[in-house]
Amino acid sequence: MTVRKRGKRPIVVIVMVLASLGGLALFGHAASADSPAPYRSMPRQGDNVRLDGTLGGAATAWAYADRKWLERYLQVTIDAAAANRSYTDSQVQGQLATVADHVMPIPNGTGAQVETVQSFSYGGRADTEVRVMIKDGPLKGREVWTTCAEMVDSAGHPFLRM
């Protein structure tokens, strides 16, 4: 397992990457721009949601304070898939490790309110980016960016099609 140190707190890069790949690698998270969306429904501005990474097998959901890091993560994974490169490839690992330095793990079940929902398109792939305002927990009041795959609706139903 690859471990990087960030200050005094270790970041387990492989675990973070696997958690964030839950939707992409296992469920077709970055769908082709011409194929049906991988989501059964879409959140709307003002919706109450909960951040939840359990579909990817994680104890936390992931998000980014800055949209550019969410988009960089999506670009790296799309490029790796297009080049038929494994996420264990050293070049891909290096890029993912850089992105992982900016991941904000958020405990599953953390409440949030949707502020922005927008399309993301890159390399013939499409996804949906969502900015939420954290409503409870230690990050209360923070705005973060994530995808629908890391959220459930107010009734606990995932947005990701199963």
N, C-alpha and C. Protein backbone atom coordinates (compact mmCIF):
# COMPACT_ATOMS: atom_id res chain seq x y z
N MET A 1 0.84 -1.17 0.00
CA MET A 1 0.00 0.00 0.00
C MET A 1 0.89 1.24 0.00
N THR A 2 0.59 2.21 -0.84
CA THR A 2 1.38 3.42 -0.95
C THR A 2 0.93 4.43 0.09
N VAL A 3 1.87 4.96 0.86
CA VAL A 3 1.53 5.94 1.89
C VAL A 3 2.38 7.19 1.65
N ARG A 4 1.72 8.33 1.68
CA ARG A 4 2.43 9.61 1.60
C ARG A 4 2.20 10.34 2.91
N LYS A 5 3.17 11.08 3.34
CA LYS A 5 3.03 11.87 4.56
C LYS A 5 2.63 13.28 4.20
N ARG A 6 1.71 13.81 4.93
CA ARG A 6 1.30 15.20 4.78
C ARG A 6 1.28 15.78 6.18
N GLY A 7 2.32 16.48 6.51
CA GLY A 7 2.45 16.93 7.89
C GLY A 7 2.66 15.72 8.77
N LYS A 8 1.89 15.64 9.85
CA LYS A 8 1.98 14.51 10.77
C LYS A 8 0.96 13.43 10.45
N ARG A 9 0.01 13.74 9.58
CA ARG A 9 -1.07 12.81 9.29
C ARG A 9 -0.82 12.06 7.99
N PRO A 10 -0.72 10.71 8.01
CA PRO A 10 -0.49 9.97 6.76
C PRO A 10 -1.75 9.94 5.91
N ILE A 11 -1.53 10.00 4.63
CA ILE A 11 -2.63 9.84 3.68
C ILE A 11 -2.37 8.53 2.94
N VAL A 12 -3.29 7.64 3.01
CA VAL A 12 -3.15 6.36 2.33
C VAL A 12 -3.72 6.55 0.93
N VAL A 13 -2.82 6.77 -0.02
CA VAL A 13 -3.22 7.15 -1.37
C VAL A 13 -4.11 6.09 -2.02
N ILE A 14 -3.74 4.86 -1.90
CA ILE A 14 -4.54 3.81 -2.55
C ILE A 14 -5.96 3.80 -2.01
N VAL A 15 -6.13 3.91 -0.70
CA VAL A 15 -7.47 3.90 -0.11
C VAL A 15 -8.26 5.10 -0.60
N MET A 16 -7.65 6.27 -0.62
CA MET A 16 -8.35 7.47 -1.08
C MET A 16 -8.76 7.31 -2.54
N VAL A 17 -7.85 6.78 -3.35
CA VAL A 17 -8.15 6.62 -4.76
C VAL A 17 -9.27 5.61 -4.95
N LEU A 18 -9.20 4.48 -4.24
CA LEU A 18 -10.26 3.49 -4.38
C LEU A 18 -11.60 4.04 -3.92
N ALA A 19 -11.59 4.81 -2.84
CA ALA A 19 -12.84 5.41 -2.37
C ALA A 19 -13.41 6.35 -3.41
N SER A 20 -12.55 7.13 -4.01
CA SER A 20 -13.05 8.09 -5.00
C SER A 20 -13.34 7.44 -6.34
N LEU A 21 -12.84 6.24 -6.55
CA LEU A 21 -13.11 5.53 -7.80
C LEU A 21 -14.37 4.69 -7.74
N GLY A 22 -15.03 4.68 -6.58
CA GLY A 22 -16.22 3.87 -6.42
C GLY A 22 -17.18 3.99 -7.57
N GLY A 23 -17.55 5.20 -7.91
CA GLY A 23 -18.47 5.41 -9.03
C GLY A 23 -17.81 5.19 -10.37
N LEU A 24 -16.59 5.66 -10.56
CA LEU A 24 -15.93 5.60 -11.86
C LEU A 24 -15.56 4.18 -12.26
N ALA A 25 -14.74 3.52 -11.47
CA ALA A 25 -14.21 2.22 -11.86
C ALA A 25 -15.23 1.10 -11.72
N LEU A 26 -16.05 1.16 -10.68
CA LEU A 26 -16.96 0.05 -10.42
C LEU A 26 -18.32 0.20 -11.07
N PHE A 27 -18.77 1.44 -11.26
CA PHE A 27 -20.13 1.65 -11.71
C PHE A 27 -20.24 2.49 -12.97
N GLY A 28 -19.15 2.73 -13.70
CA GLY A 28 -19.23 3.52 -14.91
C GLY A 28 -19.51 4.98 -14.64
N HIS A 29 -18.91 5.52 -13.61
CA HIS A 29 -19.12 6.89 -13.13
C HIS A 29 -18.94 7.93 -14.22
N ALA A 30 -17.90 7.84 -15.02
CA ALA A 30 -17.69 8.82 -16.09
C ALA A 30 -18.25 8.23 -17.37
N ALA A 31 -19.50 8.45 -17.59
CA ALA A 31 -20.17 7.85 -18.73
C ALA A 31 -19.78 8.55 -20.01
N SER A 32 -19.88 7.83 -21.10
CA SER A 32 -19.66 8.44 -22.40
C SER A 32 -20.68 9.54 -22.58
N ALA A 33 -20.27 10.61 -23.24
CA ALA A 33 -21.16 11.74 -23.45
C ALA A 33 -22.39 11.33 -24.26
N ASP A 34 -22.30 10.24 -25.02
CA ASP A 34 -23.41 9.78 -25.84
C ASP A 34 -24.25 8.70 -25.18
N SER A 35 -23.81 8.18 -24.03
CA SER A 35 -24.54 7.10 -23.38
C SER A 35 -25.45 7.67 -22.29
N PRO A 36 -26.39 6.85 -21.81
CA PRO A 36 -27.26 7.33 -20.73
C PRO A 36 -26.44 7.68 -19.49
N ALA A 37 -26.91 8.66 -18.76
CA ALA A 37 -26.21 9.08 -17.54
C ALA A 37 -26.19 7.94 -16.53
N PRO A 38 -25.11 7.86 -15.72
CA PRO A 38 -25.03 6.80 -14.72
C PRO A 38 -25.89 7.09 -13.50
N TYR A 39 -26.63 8.18 -13.51
CA TYR A 39 -27.41 8.57 -12.35
C TYR A 39 -28.89 8.31 -12.57
N ARG A 40 -29.57 7.82 -11.53
CA ARG A 40 -31.01 7.56 -11.62
C ARG A 40 -31.80 8.86 -11.51
N SER A 41 -31.21 9.85 -10.83
CA SER A 41 -31.82 11.17 -10.71
C SER A 41 -30.70 12.16 -10.46
N MET A 42 -31.03 13.44 -10.54
CA MET A 42 -30.04 14.49 -10.33
C MET A 42 -30.49 15.39 -9.18
N PRO A 43 -29.55 15.81 -8.36
CA PRO A 43 -29.92 16.78 -7.32
C PRO A 43 -30.20 18.13 -7.96
N ARG A 44 -30.94 18.97 -7.25
CA ARG A 44 -31.24 20.33 -7.72
C ARG A 44 -30.78 21.31 -6.66
N GLN A 45 -30.54 22.53 -7.10
CA GLN A 45 -30.15 23.58 -6.18
C GLN A 45 -31.19 23.66 -5.05
N GLY A 46 -30.70 23.71 -3.82
CA GLY A 46 -31.57 23.79 -2.65
C GLY A 46 -31.89 22.45 -2.02
N ASP A 47 -31.64 21.33 -2.73
CA ASP A 47 -31.92 20.00 -2.17
C ASP A 47 -31.02 19.74 -0.96
N ASN A 48 -31.59 19.05 0.03
CA ASN A 48 -30.81 18.55 1.16
C ASN A 48 -30.33 17.16 0.80
N VAL A 49 -29.04 16.92 0.97
CA VAL A 49 -28.42 15.63 0.64
C VAL A 49 -27.51 15.23 1.78
N ARG A 50 -27.00 14.02 1.69
CA ARG A 50 -25.97 13.54 2.62
C ARG A 50 -24.80 13.05 1.79
N LEU A 51 -23.60 13.39 2.22
CA LEU A 51 -22.41 12.88 1.55
C LEU A 51 -22.21 11.44 2.00
N ASP A 52 -21.90 10.56 1.05
CA ASP A 52 -21.85 9.14 1.37
C ASP A 52 -21.00 8.40 0.34
N GLY A 53 -19.92 7.79 0.80
CA GLY A 53 -19.03 7.03 -0.08
C GLY A 53 -19.20 5.53 0.02
N THR A 54 -20.30 5.05 0.61
CA THR A 54 -20.43 3.61 0.84
C THR A 54 -20.58 2.80 -0.45
N LEU A 55 -21.09 3.41 -1.53
CA LEU A 55 -21.19 2.65 -2.78
C LEU A 55 -19.82 2.21 -3.27
N GLY A 56 -18.79 2.99 -2.98
CA GLY A 56 -17.42 2.64 -3.33
C GLY A 56 -16.72 1.87 -2.22
N GLY A 57 -17.47 1.52 -1.16
CA GLY A 57 -16.91 0.75 -0.06
C GLY A 57 -16.11 1.58 0.93
N ALA A 58 -16.33 2.88 0.95
CA ALA A 58 -15.54 3.76 1.80
C ALA A 58 -16.30 4.22 3.04
N ALA A 59 -15.56 4.52 4.09
CA ALA A 59 -16.15 5.05 5.32
C ALA A 59 -16.35 6.55 5.24
N THR A 60 -15.82 7.16 4.19
CA THR A 60 -15.99 8.59 4.00
C THR A 60 -16.34 8.87 2.54
N ALA A 61 -16.98 10.00 2.34
CA ALA A 61 -17.17 10.53 0.99
C ALA A 61 -15.97 11.43 0.71
N TRP A 62 -15.74 11.74 -0.55
CA TRP A 62 -14.64 12.64 -0.87
C TRP A 62 -15.19 13.88 -1.54
N ALA A 63 -14.47 14.96 -1.33
CA ALA A 63 -14.84 16.24 -1.93
C ALA A 63 -13.58 17.09 -2.01
N TYR A 64 -13.70 18.19 -2.69
CA TYR A 64 -12.58 19.12 -2.86
C TYR A 64 -13.06 20.53 -2.56
N ALA A 65 -12.23 21.33 -1.91
CA ALA A 65 -12.56 22.72 -1.64
C ALA A 65 -12.54 23.54 -2.93
N ASP A 66 -11.74 23.11 -3.88
CA ASP A 66 -11.57 23.83 -5.14
C ASP A 66 -12.01 22.94 -6.31
N ARG A 67 -12.89 23.44 -7.14
CA ARG A 67 -13.41 22.66 -8.27
C ARG A 67 -12.31 22.17 -9.20
N LYS A 68 -11.22 22.93 -9.32
CA LYS A 68 -10.15 22.53 -10.25
C LYS A 68 -9.58 21.16 -9.87
N TRP A 69 -9.54 20.82 -8.56
CA TRP A 69 -9.00 19.51 -8.17
C TRP A 69 -9.99 18.39 -8.46
N LEU A 70 -11.27 18.65 -8.33
CA LEU A 70 -12.27 17.67 -8.75
C LEU A 70 -12.11 17.40 -10.24
N GLU A 71 -12.01 18.46 -11.02
CA GLU A 71 -11.87 18.30 -12.47
C GLU A 71 -10.55 17.62 -12.83
N ARG A 72 -9.50 17.90 -12.11
CA ARG A 72 -8.22 17.25 -12.38
C ARG A 72 -8.31 15.76 -12.10
N TYR A 73 -8.97 15.39 -11.01
CA TYR A 73 -9.19 13.97 -10.71
C TYR A 73 -9.95 13.30 -11.86
N LEU A 74 -11.03 13.92 -12.30
CA LEU A 74 -11.82 13.34 -13.39
C LEU A 74 -10.98 13.22 -14.66
N GLN A 75 -10.17 14.22 -14.97
CA GLN A 75 -9.31 14.17 -16.16
C GLN A 75 -8.29 13.04 -16.07
N VAL A 76 -7.66 12.88 -14.93
CA VAL A 76 -6.65 11.82 -14.76
C VAL A 76 -7.28 10.45 -14.97
N THR A 77 -8.44 10.21 -14.38
CA THR A 77 -9.07 8.90 -14.50
C THR A 77 -9.59 8.66 -15.92
N ILE A 78 -10.09 9.69 -16.56
CA ILE A 78 -10.55 9.55 -17.95
C ILE A 78 -9.36 9.27 -18.87
N ASP A 79 -8.26 10.01 -18.69
CA ASP A 79 -7.06 9.78 -19.50
C ASP A 79 -6.52 8.37 -19.30
N ALA A 80 -6.50 7.90 -18.06
CA ALA A 80 -6.01 6.55 -17.77
C ALA A 80 -6.88 5.50 -18.47
N ALA A 81 -8.19 5.68 -18.41
CA ALA A 81 -9.10 4.74 -19.07
C ALA A 81 -8.91 4.77 -20.59
N ALA A 82 -8.76 5.96 -21.15
CA ALA A 82 -8.60 6.10 -22.60
C ALA A 82 -7.30 5.45 -23.08
N ALA A 83 -6.26 5.50 -22.24
CA ALA A 83 -4.97 4.91 -22.59
C ALA A 83 -4.85 3.46 -22.12
N ASN A 84 -5.94 2.92 -21.55
CA ASN A 84 -5.96 1.56 -21.04
C ASN A 84 -4.85 1.34 -20.01
N ARG A 85 -4.67 2.34 -19.14
CA ARG A 85 -3.65 2.27 -18.09
C ARG A 85 -4.32 1.98 -16.76
N SER A 86 -3.72 1.10 -16.01
CA SER A 86 -4.21 0.75 -14.69
C SER A 86 -3.95 1.90 -13.72
N TYR A 87 -4.78 1.99 -12.69
CA TYR A 87 -4.56 3.00 -11.66
C TYR A 87 -3.33 2.69 -10.82
N THR A 88 -2.76 1.49 -10.98
CA THR A 88 -1.52 1.15 -10.29
C THR A 88 -0.29 1.53 -11.11
N ASP A 89 -0.48 1.97 -12.36
CA ASP A 89 0.60 2.45 -13.20
C ASP A 89 1.31 3.60 -12.48
N SER A 90 2.63 3.62 -12.48
CA SER A 90 3.37 4.62 -11.69
C SER A 90 3.06 6.05 -12.11
N GLN A 91 2.89 6.32 -13.39
CA GLN A 91 2.57 7.67 -13.83
C GLN A 91 1.18 8.09 -13.35
N VAL A 92 0.21 7.19 -13.49
CA VAL A 92 -1.15 7.46 -13.03
C VAL A 92 -1.14 7.64 -11.52
N GLN A 93 -0.41 6.76 -10.80
CA GLN A 93 -0.31 6.88 -9.34
C GLN A 93 0.25 8.24 -8.93
N GLY A 94 1.25 8.72 -9.64
CA GLY A 94 1.83 10.02 -9.33
C GLY A 94 0.82 11.14 -9.49
N GLN A 95 0.05 11.08 -10.57
CA GLN A 95 -0.97 12.11 -10.80
C GLN A 95 -2.08 12.02 -9.76
N LEU A 96 -2.51 10.80 -9.45
CA LEU A 96 -3.56 10.63 -8.44
C LEU A 96 -3.08 11.04 -7.05
N ALA A 97 -1.81 10.80 -6.75
CA ALA A 97 -1.27 11.20 -5.46
C ALA A 97 -1.29 12.72 -5.31
N THR A 98 -0.99 13.42 -6.39
CA THR A 98 -1.04 14.89 -6.36
C THR A 98 -2.46 15.36 -6.08
N VAL A 99 -3.42 14.74 -6.75
CA VAL A 99 -4.82 15.10 -6.54
C VAL A 99 -5.25 14.72 -5.12
N ALA A 100 -4.80 13.56 -4.65
CA ALA A 100 -5.20 13.07 -3.32
C ALA A 100 -4.76 14.02 -2.21
N ASP A 101 -3.71 14.79 -2.46
CA ASP A 101 -3.27 15.78 -1.47
C ASP A 101 -4.33 16.85 -1.22
N HIS A 102 -5.32 16.93 -2.12
CA HIS A 102 -6.35 17.97 -2.03
C HIS A 102 -7.73 17.40 -1.68
N VAL A 103 -7.81 16.09 -1.49
CA VAL A 103 -9.08 15.45 -1.13
C VAL A 103 -9.45 15.82 0.30
N MET A 104 -10.73 16.10 0.49
CA MET A 104 -11.27 16.32 1.83
C MET A 104 -12.18 15.15 2.16
N PRO A 105 -11.71 14.18 2.96
CA PRO A 105 -12.60 13.09 3.35
C PRO A 105 -13.69 13.63 4.28
N ILE A 106 -14.92 13.27 3.99
CA ILE A 106 -16.06 13.76 4.77
C ILE A 106 -16.82 12.54 5.29
N PRO A 107 -17.07 12.47 6.59
CA PRO A 107 -17.74 11.29 7.15
C PRO A 107 -19.07 11.01 6.45
N ASN A 108 -19.30 9.74 6.16
CA ASN A 108 -20.58 9.34 5.57
C ASN A 108 -21.72 9.83 6.45
N GLY A 109 -22.76 10.31 5.80
CA GLY A 109 -23.93 10.78 6.52
C GLY A 109 -23.93 12.27 6.82
N THR A 110 -22.85 12.95 6.49
CA THR A 110 -22.77 14.39 6.73
C THR A 110 -23.80 15.11 5.86
N GLY A 111 -24.63 15.91 6.50
CA GLY A 111 -25.66 16.65 5.79
C GLY A 111 -25.10 17.83 5.02
N ALA A 112 -25.72 18.12 3.87
CA ALA A 112 -25.30 19.25 3.04
C ALA A 112 -26.49 19.75 2.24
N GLN A 113 -26.36 20.96 1.72
CA GLN A 113 -27.38 21.52 0.85
C GLN A 113 -26.73 21.83 -0.50
N VAL A 114 -27.39 21.43 -1.58
CA VAL A 114 -26.88 21.63 -2.93
C VAL A 114 -26.95 23.11 -3.28
N GLU A 115 -25.81 23.64 -3.75
CA GLU A 115 -25.74 25.03 -4.18
C GLU A 115 -25.65 25.16 -5.69
N THR A 116 -24.88 24.27 -6.32
CA THR A 116 -24.67 24.33 -7.77
C THR A 116 -24.62 22.92 -8.33
N VAL A 117 -25.25 22.71 -9.48
CA VAL A 117 -25.16 21.46 -10.22
C VAL A 117 -24.77 21.85 -11.64
N GLN A 118 -23.66 21.29 -12.14
CA GLN A 118 -23.23 21.65 -13.49
C GLN A 118 -22.58 20.47 -14.19
N SER A 119 -22.63 20.50 -15.51
CA SER A 119 -22.05 19.45 -16.33
C SER A 119 -20.53 19.59 -16.40
N PHE A 120 -19.88 18.45 -16.56
CA PHE A 120 -18.45 18.39 -16.81
C PHE A 120 -18.24 17.50 -18.01
N SER A 121 -17.44 17.93 -18.97
CA SER A 121 -17.17 17.14 -20.16
C SER A 121 -15.68 17.21 -20.46
N TYR A 122 -15.09 16.04 -20.79
CA TYR A 122 -13.66 15.98 -21.07
C TYR A 122 -13.39 14.68 -21.83
N GLY A 123 -12.64 14.77 -22.89
CA GLY A 123 -12.22 13.57 -23.62
C GLY A 123 -13.36 12.69 -24.07
N GLY A 124 -14.50 13.28 -24.44
CA GLY A 124 -15.64 12.49 -24.87
C GLY A 124 -16.44 11.86 -23.74
N ARG A 125 -16.13 12.22 -22.52
CA ARG A 125 -16.84 11.71 -21.35
C ARG A 125 -17.58 12.84 -20.67
N ALA A 126 -18.61 12.49 -19.91
CA ALA A 126 -19.40 13.51 -19.21
C ALA A 126 -19.68 13.04 -17.79
N ASP A 127 -19.80 14.00 -16.91
CA ASP A 127 -20.19 13.74 -15.53
C ASP A 127 -20.89 14.99 -15.02
N THR A 128 -21.27 14.97 -13.77
CA THR A 128 -21.94 16.11 -13.15
C THR A 128 -21.19 16.50 -11.90
N GLU A 129 -20.85 17.78 -11.82
CA GLU A 129 -20.17 18.32 -10.65
C GLU A 129 -21.22 18.99 -9.77
N VAL A 130 -21.05 18.84 -8.46
CA VAL A 130 -22.01 19.41 -7.52
C VAL A 130 -21.25 20.16 -6.42
N ARG A 131 -21.65 21.40 -6.19
CA ARG A 131 -21.11 22.16 -5.06
C ARG A 131 -22.16 22.15 -3.96
N VAL A 132 -21.74 21.77 -2.76
CA VAL A 132 -22.65 21.72 -1.63
C VAL A 132 -22.10 22.54 -0.48
N MET A 133 -23.00 22.98 0.38
CA MET A 133 -22.65 23.65 1.64
C MET A 133 -22.85 22.61 2.74
N ILE A 134 -21.78 22.30 3.47
CA ILE A 134 -21.86 21.33 4.57
C ILE A 134 -22.73 21.93 5.67
N LYS A 135 -23.72 21.16 6.13
CA LYS A 135 -24.68 21.65 7.13
C LYS A 135 -24.42 21.17 8.55
N ASP A 136 -23.58 20.14 8.73
CA ASP A 136 -23.29 19.67 10.08
C ASP A 136 -21.89 19.07 10.15
N GLY A 137 -21.47 18.74 11.35
CA GLY A 137 -20.15 18.15 11.54
C GLY A 137 -19.04 19.18 11.60
N PRO A 138 -17.81 18.70 11.64
CA PRO A 138 -16.67 19.59 11.81
C PRO A 138 -16.44 20.55 10.63
N LEU A 139 -16.99 20.24 9.48
CA LEU A 139 -16.81 21.11 8.30
C LEU A 139 -18.03 22.00 8.04
N LYS A 140 -18.91 22.11 9.03
CA LYS A 140 -20.12 22.91 8.88
C LYS A 140 -19.79 24.30 8.34
N GLY A 141 -20.54 24.71 7.31
CA GLY A 141 -20.34 26.02 6.71
C GLY A 141 -19.36 26.05 5.55
N ARG A 142 -18.67 24.95 5.29
CA ARG A 142 -17.71 24.88 4.17
C ARG A 142 -18.43 24.53 2.89
N GLU A 143 -18.00 25.11 1.79
CA GLU A 143 -18.48 24.74 0.47
C GLU A 143 -17.46 23.79 -0.13
N VAL A 144 -17.94 22.67 -0.68
CA VAL A 144 -17.07 21.68 -1.30
C VAL A 144 -17.67 21.21 -2.62
N TRP A 145 -16.80 20.69 -3.48
CA TRP A 145 -17.19 20.14 -4.79
C TRP A 145 -17.05 18.63 -4.78
N THR A 146 -18.02 17.94 -5.38
CA THR A 146 -17.97 16.49 -5.50
C THR A 146 -18.81 16.08 -6.71
N THR A 147 -19.09 14.79 -6.83
CA THR A 147 -19.98 14.29 -7.88
C THR A 147 -21.20 13.63 -7.24
N CYS A 148 -22.19 13.35 -8.04
CA CYS A 148 -23.42 12.71 -7.55
C CYS A 148 -23.14 11.33 -6.96
N ALA A 149 -22.07 10.69 -7.40
CA ALA A 149 -21.74 9.35 -6.90
C ALA A 149 -21.37 9.35 -5.43
N GLU A 150 -21.04 10.51 -4.88
CA GLU A 150 -20.63 10.62 -3.48
C GLU A 150 -21.75 11.16 -2.59
N MET A 151 -22.99 11.13 -3.10
CA MET A 151 -24.11 11.69 -2.33
C MET A 151 -25.32 10.77 -2.39
N VAL A 152 -26.17 10.91 -1.39
CA VAL A 152 -27.49 10.29 -1.39
C VAL A 152 -28.51 11.39 -1.16
N ASP A 153 -29.75 11.15 -1.58
CA ASP A 153 -30.79 12.17 -1.38
C ASP A 153 -31.25 12.17 0.08
N SER A 154 -32.20 13.04 0.39
CA SER A 154 -32.65 13.19 1.78
C SER A 154 -33.28 11.91 2.34
N ALA A 155 -33.75 11.03 1.48
CA ALA A 155 -34.33 9.76 1.92
C ALA A 155 -33.27 8.65 2.00
N GLY A 156 -32.02 8.97 1.65
CA GLY A 156 -30.93 7.98 1.71
C GLY A 156 -30.75 7.18 0.44
N HIS A 157 -31.43 7.56 -0.64
CA HIS A 157 -31.29 6.84 -1.91
C HIS A 157 -30.12 7.42 -2.70
N PRO A 158 -29.23 6.55 -3.22
CA PRO A 158 -28.09 7.06 -4.01
C PRO A 158 -28.58 7.67 -5.34
N PHE A 159 -27.86 8.67 -5.79
CA PHE A 159 -28.14 9.23 -7.11
C PHE A 159 -27.63 8.31 -8.20
N LEU A 160 -26.58 7.55 -7.88
CA LEU A 160 -25.97 6.65 -8.85
C LEU A 160 -26.91 5.49 -9.15
N ARG A 161 -27.07 5.22 -10.44
CA ARG A 161 -27.91 4.09 -10.87
C ARG A 161 -27.21 2.80 -10.45
N MET A 162 -27.99 1.88 -9.88
CA MET A 162 -27.41 0.62 -9.38
C MET A 162 -27.70 -0.50 -10.34
